[in-house]
N, C-alpha and C. Protein backbone atom coordinates (compact mmCIF):
# COMPACT_ATOMS: atom_id res chain seq x y z
N GLY A 1 3.59 -27.01 -76.40
CA GLY A 1 4.78 -26.70 -75.30
C GLY A 1 3.85 -26.61 -73.41
N ARG A 2 5.12 -26.20 -72.63
CA ARG A 2 4.55 -26.06 -71.18
C ARG A 2 3.97 -24.68 -70.93
N LYS A 3 3.22 -24.80 -70.13
CA LYS A 3 2.92 -23.34 -69.46
C LYS A 3 3.95 -22.75 -68.77
N ARG A 4 3.84 -21.34 -68.58
CA ARG A 4 5.05 -20.78 -68.22
C ARG A 4 4.58 -20.14 -66.72
N LYS A 5 4.66 -20.40 -65.64
CA LYS A 5 4.40 -20.29 -64.69
C LYS A 5 4.09 -18.71 -64.37
N SER A 6 2.99 -18.63 -63.97
CA SER A 6 2.86 -17.04 -63.81
C SER A 6 3.16 -15.94 -62.55
N ASN A 7 3.79 -14.78 -62.69
CA ASN A 7 3.95 -14.37 -61.78
C ASN A 7 3.01 -13.66 -60.53
N ARG A 8 1.85 -14.18 -60.73
CA ARG A 8 1.07 -13.59 -60.18
C ARG A 8 0.55 -14.30 -58.72
N PHE A 9 0.16 -13.27 -57.77
CA PHE A 9 -0.01 -13.70 -56.40
C PHE A 9 -1.48 -15.26 -56.58
N PRO A 10 -1.30 -15.89 -55.78
CA PRO A 10 -2.19 -17.18 -55.76
C PRO A 10 -3.40 -16.36 -55.25
N VAL A 11 -4.58 -16.30 -55.40
CA VAL A 11 -5.89 -16.40 -55.79
C VAL A 11 -6.36 -16.51 -54.06
N GLY A 12 -6.79 -15.07 -53.46
CA GLY A 12 -7.01 -14.82 -52.21
C GLY A 12 -5.99 -14.00 -51.32
N TYR A 13 -4.86 -14.32 -51.89
CA TYR A 13 -3.40 -13.80 -51.48
C TYR A 13 -3.80 -12.26 -51.02
N MET A 14 -4.33 -11.72 -51.97
CA MET A 14 -4.01 -10.26 -51.52
C MET A 14 -5.45 -9.63 -50.62
N GLN A 15 -6.50 -10.18 -50.61
CA GLN A 15 -7.28 -10.00 -49.41
C GLN A 15 -6.99 -10.75 -48.62
N ALA A 16 -6.45 -11.88 -47.60
CA ALA A 16 -5.93 -12.11 -47.05
C ALA A 16 -4.38 -11.20 -46.07
N ALA A 17 -3.64 -10.64 -47.32
CA ALA A 17 -2.94 -9.76 -46.79
C ALA A 17 -3.53 -8.81 -45.96
N LYS A 18 -4.51 -8.15 -46.83
CA LYS A 18 -5.71 -6.97 -46.46
C LYS A 18 -5.79 -6.76 -45.33
N ARG A 19 -6.48 -8.15 -45.04
CA ARG A 19 -7.43 -8.20 -43.42
C ARG A 19 -6.20 -8.53 -42.81
N ALA A 20 -4.86 -9.23 -43.03
CA ALA A 20 -3.80 -9.01 -42.08
C ALA A 20 -3.48 -7.46 -42.00
N ARG A 21 -3.39 -6.55 -42.62
CA ARG A 21 -3.19 -5.30 -42.22
C ARG A 21 -4.30 -4.72 -41.72
N ASN A 22 -5.36 -5.16 -41.99
CA ASN A 22 -6.67 -4.48 -41.46
C ASN A 22 -6.27 -4.91 -39.96
N ASP A 23 -6.17 -5.84 -39.63
CA ASP A 23 -6.61 -6.87 -37.86
C ASP A 23 -4.96 -5.99 -37.58
N GLU A 24 -3.88 -5.98 -37.69
CA GLU A 24 -2.71 -5.24 -37.59
C GLU A 24 -2.92 -3.81 -36.77
N ASP A 25 -3.55 -2.99 -37.57
CA ASP A 25 -4.27 -1.82 -37.13
C ASP A 25 -5.07 -1.74 -36.49
N ARG A 26 -6.02 -2.78 -36.32
CA ARG A 26 -6.69 -2.75 -35.47
C ARG A 26 -6.33 -2.51 -33.96
N LEU A 27 -5.37 -3.97 -34.15
CA LEU A 27 -4.85 -3.80 -33.35
C LEU A 27 -3.94 -3.11 -32.22
N ARG A 28 -3.29 -2.21 -33.41
CA ARG A 28 -2.73 -1.60 -32.69
C ARG A 28 -2.80 -0.02 -32.40
N GLN A 29 -4.17 0.12 -32.93
CA GLN A 29 -5.23 1.19 -32.07
C GLN A 29 -5.59 0.79 -30.91
N GLU A 30 -5.89 -0.45 -30.72
CA GLU A 30 -6.39 -1.22 -29.43
C GLU A 30 -5.18 -0.69 -28.09
N ILE A 31 -4.05 -1.24 -28.81
CA ILE A 31 -2.70 -1.04 -27.80
C ILE A 31 -3.43 0.30 -27.15
N GLU A 32 -3.28 1.10 -28.04
CA GLU A 32 -3.04 2.81 -28.00
C GLU A 32 -3.84 3.11 -27.37
N GLU A 33 -5.00 3.11 -27.49
CA GLU A 33 -6.41 2.94 -26.69
C GLU A 33 -6.06 2.67 -25.20
N SER A 34 -5.44 1.44 -25.17
CA SER A 34 -5.56 0.96 -23.85
C SER A 34 -4.15 1.61 -22.95
N SER A 35 -3.32 2.18 -23.62
CA SER A 35 -2.31 2.24 -23.29
C SER A 35 -2.11 3.98 -22.41
N MET A 36 -3.62 4.87 -22.82
CA MET A 36 -3.82 6.07 -22.95
C MET A 36 -5.24 5.89 -21.84
N ARG A 37 -5.54 4.48 -21.73
CA ARG A 37 -6.65 4.19 -20.58
C ARG A 37 -5.42 4.10 -19.42
N VAL A 38 -4.60 3.91 -19.30
CA VAL A 38 -2.89 3.44 -18.34
C VAL A 38 -2.81 4.27 -17.67
N ASP A 39 -2.69 5.31 -19.15
CA ASP A 39 -2.10 6.68 -18.45
C ASP A 39 -3.49 7.59 -17.66
N VAL A 40 -3.97 7.74 -17.91
CA VAL A 40 -5.24 8.46 -17.52
C VAL A 40 -5.27 7.87 -15.98
N LEU A 41 -5.19 6.29 -15.60
CA LEU A 41 -5.23 6.09 -14.13
C LEU A 41 -4.43 6.25 -13.14
N LYS A 42 -2.93 6.26 -14.18
CA LYS A 42 -1.93 6.70 -13.61
C LYS A 42 -2.11 8.27 -13.16
N VAL A 43 -2.32 9.00 -13.64
CA VAL A 43 -2.72 10.25 -13.29
C VAL A 43 -3.43 10.38 -12.04
N GLU A 44 -4.69 9.49 -12.32
CA GLU A 44 -5.72 9.51 -11.12
C GLU A 44 -5.33 9.20 -10.39
N LEU A 45 -4.43 8.57 -10.28
CA LEU A 45 -3.81 7.31 -8.80
C LEU A 45 -3.12 8.41 -8.34
N ILE A 46 -2.26 9.38 -9.28
CA ILE A 46 -0.99 10.39 -8.61
C ILE A 46 -2.12 11.43 -8.08
N ALA A 47 -2.89 11.88 -8.26
CA ALA A 47 -3.65 13.23 -7.93
C ALA A 47 -4.45 12.59 -6.73
N LYS A 48 -4.88 11.20 -6.44
CA LYS A 48 -5.33 10.53 -5.31
C LYS A 48 -4.08 10.57 -4.42
N GLN A 49 -3.42 10.24 -4.42
CA GLN A 49 -2.17 10.30 -3.44
C GLN A 49 -1.71 11.63 -3.02
N LYS A 50 -1.45 12.22 -3.95
CA LYS A 50 -1.48 13.86 -3.50
C LYS A 50 -2.53 14.55 -2.32
N GLU A 51 -3.57 14.16 -2.83
CA GLU A 51 -5.12 14.35 -2.02
C GLU A 51 -4.55 13.34 -0.62
N GLU A 52 -4.13 12.49 -0.84
CA GLU A 52 -4.64 11.61 0.51
C GLU A 52 -3.43 12.27 1.72
N GLU A 53 -1.89 12.61 0.94
CA GLU A 53 -0.86 13.05 1.54
C GLU A 53 -1.07 14.60 2.09
N GLU A 54 -2.11 15.26 1.00
CA GLU A 54 -2.39 16.99 1.79
C GLU A 54 -3.35 17.05 3.11
N SER A 55 -4.27 15.41 2.74
CA SER A 55 -5.65 14.95 3.98
C SER A 55 -4.28 15.15 5.20
N SER A 56 -3.94 14.38 5.25
CA SER A 56 -2.90 13.33 5.91
C SER A 56 -2.35 15.10 6.40
N MET A 57 -1.58 15.83 5.59
CA MET A 57 -0.84 17.06 6.15
C MET A 57 -1.63 17.62 7.48
N ARG A 58 -2.54 18.13 6.48
CA ARG A 58 -3.70 18.68 7.42
C ARG A 58 -4.24 17.77 8.62
N VAL A 59 -4.43 16.58 8.77
CA VAL A 59 -4.85 15.88 10.10
C VAL A 59 -3.21 16.31 10.64
N ASP A 60 -2.31 16.30 10.70
CA ASP A 60 -0.65 16.77 11.34
C ASP A 60 -0.67 17.78 11.54
N VAL A 61 -1.10 18.87 11.46
CA VAL A 61 -1.46 20.02 11.60
C VAL A 61 -2.51 20.23 12.67
N LEU A 62 -3.81 19.84 12.61
CA LEU A 62 -4.43 19.46 13.31
C LEU A 62 -3.84 19.00 14.59
N LYS A 63 -3.35 17.89 14.55
CA LYS A 63 -2.75 17.61 15.53
C LYS A 63 -1.73 18.61 16.64
N VAL A 64 -0.89 18.89 15.68
CA VAL A 64 -0.03 19.79 16.37
C VAL A 64 -1.03 21.33 17.05
N GLU A 65 -1.71 21.68 16.23
CA GLU A 65 -2.35 22.97 16.81
C GLU A 65 -3.31 22.45 18.20
N LEU A 66 -3.71 21.02 18.17
CA LEU A 66 -4.48 20.47 19.75
C LEU A 66 -3.39 20.15 20.60
N ILE A 67 -2.04 20.29 20.29
CA ILE A 67 -1.14 20.33 21.30
C ILE A 67 -0.97 20.94 22.00
N ALA A 68 -0.83 22.17 21.19
CA ALA A 68 -0.50 23.36 21.24
C ALA A 68 -1.60 24.04 22.36
N LYS A 69 -2.85 23.51 22.19
CA LYS A 69 -4.27 24.22 22.77
C LYS A 69 -4.27 23.29 24.12
N GLN A 70 -3.68 22.56 24.33
CA GLN A 70 -3.71 21.58 25.35
C GLN A 70 -2.82 22.21 26.14
N LYS A 71 -1.36 22.23 25.94
CA LYS A 71 -0.45 22.71 26.67
C LYS A 71 -0.88 24.54 27.55
N GLU A 72 -0.95 25.09 26.16
CA GLU A 72 -1.61 26.47 26.80
C GLU A 72 -2.48 26.52 27.81
N GLU A 73 -3.45 25.23 28.04
CA GLU A 73 -5.08 25.41 29.30
C GLU A 73 -4.03 25.32 29.79
N GLU A 74 -2.60 23.94 29.79
CA GLU A 74 -2.38 23.79 31.02
C GLU A 74 -1.68 24.97 31.72
N GLU A 75 -1.22 25.89 31.10
CA GLU A 75 -0.15 26.96 31.83
C GLU A 75 -1.40 27.85 32.08
N GLU A 76 -2.17 27.67 31.78
CA GLU A 76 -3.55 28.67 32.32
C GLU A 76 -3.73 28.58 33.38
N LYS A 77 -4.15 26.92 33.86
CA LYS A 77 -4.55 25.94 34.48
C LYS A 77 -3.60 26.13 35.81
N LYS A 78 -2.02 26.31 35.58
CA LYS A 78 -1.25 26.25 37.02
C LYS A 78 -0.93 27.80 37.21
N MET A 79 -1.38 28.69 36.10
CA MET A 79 -0.97 30.05 37.20
C MET A 79 -2.52 30.34 37.79
N LEU A 80 -3.61 30.00 37.31
CA LEU A 80 -4.76 30.17 37.92
C LEU A 80 -4.43 29.49 39.30
N GLU A 81 -4.01 28.19 39.58
CA GLU A 81 -4.08 27.69 40.60
C GLU A 81 -2.68 28.36 42.03
N THR A 82 -2.07 28.88 40.97
CA THR A 82 -0.78 29.82 41.60
C THR A 82 -1.84 31.11 42.09
N SER A 83 -2.45 31.79 41.39
CA SER A 83 -2.95 32.91 41.71
C SER A 83 -4.28 32.76 42.69
N ILE A 84 -5.01 31.34 43.27
CA ILE A 84 -5.68 30.83 44.16
C ILE A 84 -4.71 30.85 45.38
N ARG A 85 -3.80 30.23 45.03
CA ARG A 85 -2.83 29.94 46.72
C ARG A 85 -2.51 31.13 47.01
N SER A 86 -1.74 32.27 45.86
CA SER A 86 -1.33 33.15 46.71
C SER A 86 -2.94 34.20 47.25
N ILE A 87 -4.19 34.03 46.69
CA ILE A 87 -4.96 34.78 47.01
C ILE A 87 -5.50 34.11 48.77
N ARG A 88 -5.15 33.00 48.62
CA ARG A 88 -5.41 32.24 49.93
C ARG A 88 -4.40 32.83 51.30
N ARG A 89 -3.23 32.67 50.60
CA ARG A 89 -2.14 33.17 51.48
C ARG A 89 -2.46 34.60 51.64
N LEU A 90 -2.77 35.24 51.31
CA LEU A 90 -3.12 36.26 51.30
C LEU A 90 -4.33 36.59 52.60
N ASN A 91 -5.60 36.06 52.22
CA ASN A 91 -6.39 35.82 52.95
C ASN A 91 -5.89 35.39 54.79
N THR A 92 -4.93 34.32 54.67
CA THR A 92 -4.98 33.98 55.59
C THR A 92 -3.89 35.00 56.49
N LYS A 93 -2.85 35.53 55.67
CA LYS A 93 -2.12 37.08 55.97
C LYS A 93 -3.34 38.08 56.97
N VAL A 94 -4.30 38.44 56.06
CA VAL A 94 -5.44 39.59 56.84
C VAL A 94 -5.90 38.88 57.63
N ARG A 95 -6.44 37.97 57.66
CA ARG A 95 -7.53 37.18 59.11
C ARG A 95 -6.05 37.34 60.55
N CYS A 96 -5.12 36.29 60.26
CA CYS A 96 -3.98 36.68 61.33
C CYS A 96 -4.06 38.19 61.86
N GLN A 97 -3.72 39.54 60.95
CA GLN A 97 -3.70 40.28 61.71
C GLN A 97 -4.90 40.60 62.48
N LYS A 98 -6.06 40.74 61.52
CA LYS A 98 -7.22 40.88 62.34
C LYS A 98 -7.25 40.48 63.70
N ILE A 99 -6.86 39.03 63.59
CA ILE A 99 -6.94 38.70 65.16
C ILE A 99 -5.78 38.95 66.11
N LYS A 100 -4.86 39.67 65.45
CA LYS A 100 -3.71 40.15 66.36
C LYS A 100 -3.97 41.40 67.00
N LYS A 101 -4.91 42.34 66.05
CA LYS A 101 -5.34 43.65 66.45
C LYS A 101 -6.60 43.48 67.33
N ASN A 102 -7.36 42.76 67.33
CA ASN A 102 -8.51 42.37 68.52
C ASN A 102 -7.64 41.73 69.69
């Protein structure tokens, strides 16, 4: 009579299925590792940006300090010039009085 069809899978099917599962696992692993590397890079980028922000803030602080120092020096210079003028006026008065006495 006729041969009954067997329910077994064709030869090589099981090996092919196993290979496919292994490939899938390997790809999943690679994707995970790649994703982890991307996360690390994101963290490094954020750290670098914070560093630059802090550096920029320090520069801003230094600029403000420099401007304050320049204003201070200008004020001191004005005071000195005023003092010099008043000393000259005093000298002139003293000379005038000496001349008047003589």
